[in-house]
PDB file of N, CA and C in Angstrom:
ATOM      1  N   MET A   1     -15.384 -62.436 -33.304  1.00  0.00           N
ATOM      2  CA  MET A   1     -15.349 -60.701 -31.955  1.00  0.00           C
ATOM      3  C   MET A   1     -16.539 -60.674 -31.716  1.00  0.00           C
ATOM      4  N   ASN A   2     -16.806 -60.499 -30.190  1.00  0.00           N
ATOM      5  CA  ASN A   2     -17.695 -59.753 -29.639  1.00  0.00           C
ATOM      6  C   ASN A   2     -17.563 -58.647 -28.545  1.00  0.00           C
ATOM      7  N   ASP A   3     -16.095 -58.491 -27.986  1.00  0.00           N
ATOM      8  CA  ASP A   3     -15.605 -57.726 -26.990  1.00  0.00           C
ATOM      9  C   ASP A   3     -16.015 -55.828 -27.676  1.00  0.00           C
ATOM     10  N   TRP A   4     -16.133 -54.964 -27.091  1.00  0.00           N
ATOM     11  CA  TRP A   4     -15.399 -53.792 -27.482  1.00  0.00           C
ATOM     12  C   TRP A   4     -13.846 -53.599 -27.127  1.00  0.00           C
ATOM     13  N   HIS A   5     -13.811 -52.867 -28.385  1.00  0.00           N
ATOM     14  CA  HIS A   5     -11.903 -52.313 -28.170  1.00  0.00           C
ATOM     15  C   HIS A   5     -12.068 -50.952 -28.273  1.00  0.00           C
ATOM     16  N   LYS A   6     -10.891 -50.047 -28.230  1.00  0.00           N
ATOM     17  CA  LYS A   6     -10.788 -48.785 -28.820  1.00  0.00           C
ATOM     18  C   LYS A   6      -9.912 -48.680 -29.263  1.00  0.00           C
ATOM     19  N   SER A   7     -10.781 -48.041 -30.921  1.00  0.00           N
ATOM     20  CA  SER A   7     -10.288 -48.014 -32.284  1.00  0.00           C
ATOM     21  C   SER A   7      -8.491 -47.383 -31.726  1.00  0.00           C
ATOM     22  N   SER A   8      -7.862 -48.322 -32.987  1.00  0.00           N
ATOM     23  CA  SER A   8      -6.260 -47.557 -33.080  1.00  0.00           C
ATOM     24  C   SER A   8      -5.942 -46.196 -33.766  1.00  0.00           C
ATOM     25  N   TYR A   9      -7.494 -45.596 -34.076  1.00  0.00           N
ATOM     26  CA  TYR A   9      -7.203 -44.653 -34.915  1.00  0.00           C
ATOM     27  C   TYR A   9      -7.382 -43.378 -33.439  1.00  0.00           C
ATOM     28  N   SER A  10      -8.322 -43.590 -32.697  1.00  0.00           N
ATOM     29  CA  SER A  10      -8.403 -42.744 -31.350  1.00  0.00           C
ATOM     30  C   SER A  10      -7.526 -41.916 -30.644  1.00  0.00           C
ATOM     31  N   SER A  11      -8.031 -40.082 -30.005  1.00  0.00           N
ATOM     32  CA  SER A  11      -6.664 -39.867 -30.096  1.00  0.00           C
ATOM     33  C   SER A  11      -6.477 -40.427 -28.026  1.00  0.00           C
ATOM     34  N   THR A  12      -5.024 -40.347 -28.101  1.00  0.00           N
ATOM     35  CA  THR A  12      -5.298 -40.320 -26.589  1.00  0.00           C
ATOM     36  C   THR A  12      -5.631 -39.368 -25.620  1.00  0.00           C
ATOM     37  N   GLY A  13      -5.992 -38.298 -25.745  1.00  0.00           N
ATOM     38  CA  GLY A  13      -7.036 -37.042 -25.687  1.00  0.00           C
ATOM     39  C   GLY A  13      -8.456 -36.939 -25.379  1.00  0.00           C
ATOM     40  N   GLY A  14      -8.876 -38.432 -24.460  1.00  0.00           N
ATOM     41  CA  GLY A  14     -10.307 -38.560 -24.253  1.00  0.00           C
ATOM     42  C   GLY A  14     -11.185 -38.504 -25.101  1.00  0.00           C
ATOM     43  N   GLN A  15     -10.909 -38.424 -26.608  1.00  0.00           N
ATOM     44  CA  GLN A  15     -12.174 -38.404 -27.555  1.00  0.00           C
ATOM     45  C   GLN A  15     -12.063 -39.588 -28.532  1.00  0.00           C
ATOM     46  N   CYS A  16     -12.252 -40.620 -27.708  1.00  0.00           N
ATOM     47  CA  CYS A  16     -12.251 -42.277 -28.468  1.00  0.00           C
ATOM     48  C   CYS A  16     -13.326 -42.621 -28.860  1.00  0.00           C
ATOM     49  N   VAL A  17     -13.491 -43.580 -29.621  1.00  0.00           N
ATOM     50  CA  VAL A  17     -14.560 -44.321 -29.525  1.00  0.00           C
ATOM     51  C   VAL A  17     -13.856 -45.816 -30.138  1.00  0.00           C
ATOM     52  N   GLU A  18     -14.810 -46.936 -29.314  1.00  0.00           N
ATOM     53  CA  GLU A  18     -14.816 -48.107 -29.097  1.00  0.00           C
ATOM     54  C   GLU A  18     -15.843 -49.180 -30.075  1.00  0.00           C
ATOM     55  N   VAL A  19     -14.706 -50.106 -30.656  1.00  0.00           N
ATOM     56  CA  VAL A  19     -15.854 -50.954 -31.624  1.00  0.00           C
ATOM     57  C   VAL A  19     -15.712 -52.066 -31.188  1.00  0.00           C
ATOM     58  N   ARG A  20     -17.581 -52.478 -31.744  1.00  0.00           N
ATOM     59  CA  ARG A  20     -17.339 -53.873 -31.890  1.00  0.00           C
ATOM     60  C   ARG A  20     -17.439 -55.029 -33.088  1.00  0.00           C
ATOM     61  N   GLU A  21     -17.439 -55.682 -33.289  1.00  0.00           N
ATOM     62  CA  GLU A  21     -16.813 -56.307 -35.000  1.00  0.00           C
ATOM     63  C   GLU A  21     -17.729 -57.338 -34.706  1.00  0.00           C
ATOM     64  N   HIS A  22     -18.310 -57.910 -35.564  1.00  0.00           N
ATOM     65  CA  HIS A  22     -19.801 -58.741 -35.757  1.00  0.00           C
ATOM     66  C   HIS A  22     -19.965 -59.273 -37.264  1.00  0.00           C
ATOM     67  N   VAL A  23     -20.146 -60.341 -37.102  1.00  0.00           N
ATOM     68  CA  VAL A  23     -20.353 -61.165 -38.839  1.00  0.00           C
ATOM     69  C   VAL A  23     -21.032 -59.983 -39.466  1.00  0.00           C
ATOM     70  N   ALA A  24     -22.222 -59.498 -39.053  1.00  0.00           N
ATOM     71  CA  ALA A  24     -23.025 -57.933 -39.749  1.00  0.00           C
ATOM     72  C   ALA A  24     -21.950 -57.402 -40.207  1.00  0.00           C
ATOM     73  N   GLY A  25     -20.874 -56.473 -39.605  1.00  0.00           N
ATOM     74  CA  GLY A  25     -20.335 -55.552 -39.816  1.00  0.00           C
ATOM     75  C   GLY A  25     -20.011 -54.862 -38.472  1.00  0.00           C
ATOM     76  N   ALA A  26     -20.471 -53.860 -38.082  1.00  0.00           N
ATOM     77  CA  ALA A  26     -19.859 -53.022 -36.918  1.00  0.00           C
ATOM     78  C   ALA A  26     -20.307 -52.020 -35.726  1.00  0.00           C
ATOM     79  N   ASP A  27     -20.270 -52.624 -34.623  1.00  0.00           N
ATOM     80  CA  ASP A  27     -20.910 -51.195 -33.629  1.00  0.00           C
ATOM     81  C   ASP A  27     -19.946 -50.495 -33.335  1.00  0.00           C
ATOM     82  N   VAL A  28     -20.300 -49.726 -33.002  1.00  0.00           N
ATOM     83  CA  VAL A  28     -19.567 -47.964 -33.105  1.00  0.00           C
ATOM     84  C   VAL A  28     -19.917 -46.990 -31.890  1.00  0.00           C
ATOM     85  N   ARG A  29     -18.953 -46.802 -30.821  1.00  0.00           N
ATOM     86  CA  ARG A  29     -19.632 -46.152 -29.414  1.00  0.00           C
ATOM     87  C   ARG A  29     -18.603 -44.937 -28.714  1.00  0.00           C
ATOM     88  N   ASP A  30     -19.301 -43.789 -28.639  1.00  0.00           N
ATOM     89  CA  ASP A  30     -18.118 -42.842 -27.959  1.00  0.00           C
ATOM     90  C   ASP A  30     -18.458 -43.249 -26.609  1.00  0.00           C
ATOM     91  N   THR A  31     -16.642 -43.429 -26.141  1.00  0.00           N
ATOM     92  CA  THR A  31     -16.383 -43.684 -24.325  1.00  0.00           C
ATOM     93  C   THR A  31     -16.920 -42.815 -23.451  1.00  0.00           C
ATOM     94  N   GLN A  32     -17.143 -42.141 -23.709  1.00  0.00           N
ATOM     95  CA  GLN A  32     -17.435 -40.819 -22.792  1.00  0.00           C
ATOM     96  C   GLN A  32     -18.911 -40.542 -22.856  1.00  0.00           C
ATOM     97  N   ASN A  33     -19.698 -41.868 -23.558  1.00  0.00           N
ATOM     98  CA  ASN A  33     -20.566 -41.844 -23.409  1.00  0.00           C
ATOM     99  C   ASN A  33     -21.848 -43.327 -23.941  1.00  0.00           C
ATOM    100  N   ARG A  34     -21.193 -44.019 -23.225  1.00  0.00           N
ATOM    101  CA  ARG A  34     -21.701 -45.527 -23.858  1.00  0.00           C
ATOM    102  C   ARG A  34     -22.662 -45.295 -23.400  1.00  0.00           C
ATOM    103  N   ASP A  35     -23.697 -44.502 -22.410  1.00  0.00           N
ATOM    104  CA  ASP A  35     -24.884 -45.119 -22.335  1.00  0.00           C
ATOM    105  C   ASP A  35     -26.002 -44.490 -22.908  1.00  0.00           C
ATOM    106  N   LEU A  36     -25.344 -43.866 -24.269  1.00  0.00           N
ATOM    107  CA  LEU A  36     -26.437 -43.252 -25.496  1.00  0.00           C
ATOM    108  C   LEU A  36     -26.389 -44.269 -26.551  1.00  0.00           C
ATOM    109  N   GLY A  37     -26.015 -45.534 -26.556  1.00  0.00           N
ATOM    110  CA  GLY A  37     -26.274 -46.703 -27.842  1.00  0.00           C
ATOM    111  C   GLY A  37     -24.849 -46.557 -28.131  1.00  0.00           C
ATOM    112  N   HIS A  38     -25.367 -46.945 -29.270  1.00  0.00           N
ATOM    113  CA  HIS A  38     -23.667 -47.088 -30.694  1.00  0.00           C
ATOM    114  C   HIS A  38     -24.804 -46.786 -31.902  1.00  0.00           C
ATOM    115  N   LEU A  39     -23.906 -47.110 -32.955  1.00  0.00           N
ATOM    116  CA  LEU A  39     -23.725 -46.703 -34.137  1.00  0.00           C
ATOM    117  C   LEU A  39     -24.318 -48.166 -35.031  1.00  0.00           C
ATOM    118  N   THR A  40     -24.737 -48.943 -35.583  1.00  0.00           N
ATOM    119  CA  THR A  40     -24.360 -49.959 -36.004  1.00  0.00           C
ATOM    120  C   THR A  40     -23.712 -49.793 -37.388  1.00  0.00           C
ATOM    121  N   VAL A  41     -22.734 -50.293 -38.495  1.00  0.00           N
ATOM    122  CA  VAL A  41     -22.557 -49.854 -39.864  1.00  0.00           C
ATOM    123  C   VAL A  41     -22.828 -50.933 -40.211  1.00  0.00           C
ATOM    124  N   PRO A  42     -22.868 -51.675 -41.407  1.00  0.00           N
ATOM    125  CA  PRO A  42     -23.091 -53.079 -42.169  1.00  0.00           C
ATOM    126  C   PRO A  42     -21.468 -53.120 -42.427  1.00  0.00           C
ATOM    127  N   GLY A  43     -21.445 -54.894 -42.848  1.00  0.00           N
ATOM    128  CA  GLY A  43     -19.836 -54.953 -43.176  1.00  0.00           C
ATOM    129  C   GLY A  43     -19.609 -54.183 -44.507  1.00  0.00           C
ATOM    130  N   THR A  44     -20.998 -54.420 -45.381  1.00  0.00           N
ATOM    131  CA  THR A  44     -19.318 -53.581 -46.806  1.00  0.00           C
ATOM    132  C   THR A  44     -19.149 -52.576 -46.561  1.00  0.00           C
ATOM    133  N   GLU A  45     -19.808 -51.903 -45.710  1.00  0.00           N
ATOM    134  CA  GLU A  45     -19.812 -49.912 -45.429  1.00  0.00           C
ATOM    135  C   GLU A  45     -18.575 -50.355 -44.554  1.00  0.00           C
ATOM    136  N   TRP A  46     -18.291 -51.034 -43.092  1.00  0.00           N
ATOM    137  CA  TRP A  46     -18.034 -51.175 -42.422  1.00  0.00           C
ATOM    138  C   TRP A  46     -15.913 -51.058 -43.372  1.00  0.00           C
ATOM    139  N   VAL A  47     -16.252 -52.106 -44.047  1.00  0.00           N
ATOM    140  CA  VAL A  47     -14.757 -52.361 -44.671  1.00  0.00           C
ATOM    141  C   VAL A  47     -14.473 -51.387 -45.820  1.00  0.00           C
ATOM    142  N   ALA A  48     -15.016 -50.834 -46.027  1.00  0.00           N
ATOM    143  CA  ALA A  48     -14.988 -49.675 -47.332  1.00  0.00           C
ATOM    144  C   ALA A  48     -14.886 -47.574 -46.036  1.00  0.00           C
ATOM    145  N   LEU A  49     -15.166 -48.466 -44.643  1.00  0.00           N
ATOM    146  CA  LEU A  49     -14.166 -46.956 -44.331  1.00  0.00           C
ATOM    147  C   LEU A  49     -12.635 -47.050 -44.342  1.00  0.00           C
ATOM    148  N   LEU A  50     -12.753 -48.705 -43.057  1.00  0.00           N
ATOM    149  CA  LEU A  50     -11.076 -48.862 -43.069  1.00  0.00           C
ATOM    150  C   LEU A  50     -10.107 -49.159 -44.071  1.00  0.00           C
ATOM    151  N   ALA A  51     -11.074 -48.985 -45.413  1.00  0.00           N
ATOM    152  CA  ALA A  51     -10.169 -49.107 -46.433  1.00  0.00           C
ATOM    153  C   ALA A  51      -9.307 -47.443 -46.741  1.00  0.00           C
ATOM    154  N   ARG A  52     -10.666 -46.841 -46.670  1.00  0.00           N
ATOM    155  CA  ARG A  52     -10.768 -45.240 -46.550  1.00  0.00           C
ATOM    156  C   ARG A  52      -9.384 -44.544 -45.722  1.00  0.00           C
ATOM    157  N   VAL A  53      -9.271 -44.769 -44.468  1.00  0.00           N
ATOM    158  CA  VAL A  53      -8.976 -44.602 -43.487  1.00  0.00           C
ATOM    159  C   VAL A  53      -7.168 -44.541 -43.802  1.00  0.00           C
ATOM    160  N   ARG A  54      -7.151 -46.012 -43.458  1.00  0.00           N
ATOM    161  CA  ARG A  54      -5.688 -46.429 -43.726  1.00  0.00           C
ATOM    162  C   ARG A  54      -5.469 -45.825 -44.863  1.00  0.00           C
ATOM    163  N   ALA A  55      -6.472 -45.714 -46.417  1.00  0.00           N
ATOM    164  CA  ALA A  55      -5.598 -45.235 -47.602  1.00  0.00           C
ATOM    165  C   ALA A  55      -4.738 -43.711 -46.779  1.00  0.00           C
ATOM    166  N   GLU A  56      -5.721 -42.974 -46.179  1.00  0.00           N
ATOM    167  CA  GLU A  56      -5.129 -41.750 -46.028  1.00  0.00           C
ATOM    168  C   GLU A  56      -4.505 -41.489 -44.484  1.00  0.00           C
ATOM    169  N   GLY A  57      -4.311 -42.715 -44.018  1.00  0.00           N
ATOM    170  CA  GLY A  57      -3.305 -42.589 -42.264  1.00  0.00           C
ATOM    171  C   GLY A  57      -1.953 -42.601 -42.786  1.00  0.00           C
TER     172      GLY A  57
END
């Protein structure tokens, strides 16, 4: 998967993040500041983050 998509945990009030998942992990960027780049999260940390968010959600 190499396409950017809006996080399902983002609010609809304009404070959104986009995610692009790949073999090595995921890239995350602010939808309002795409030109500023993105953060790359390693796969093991991305999986741990998602598990924590789901457990608390």
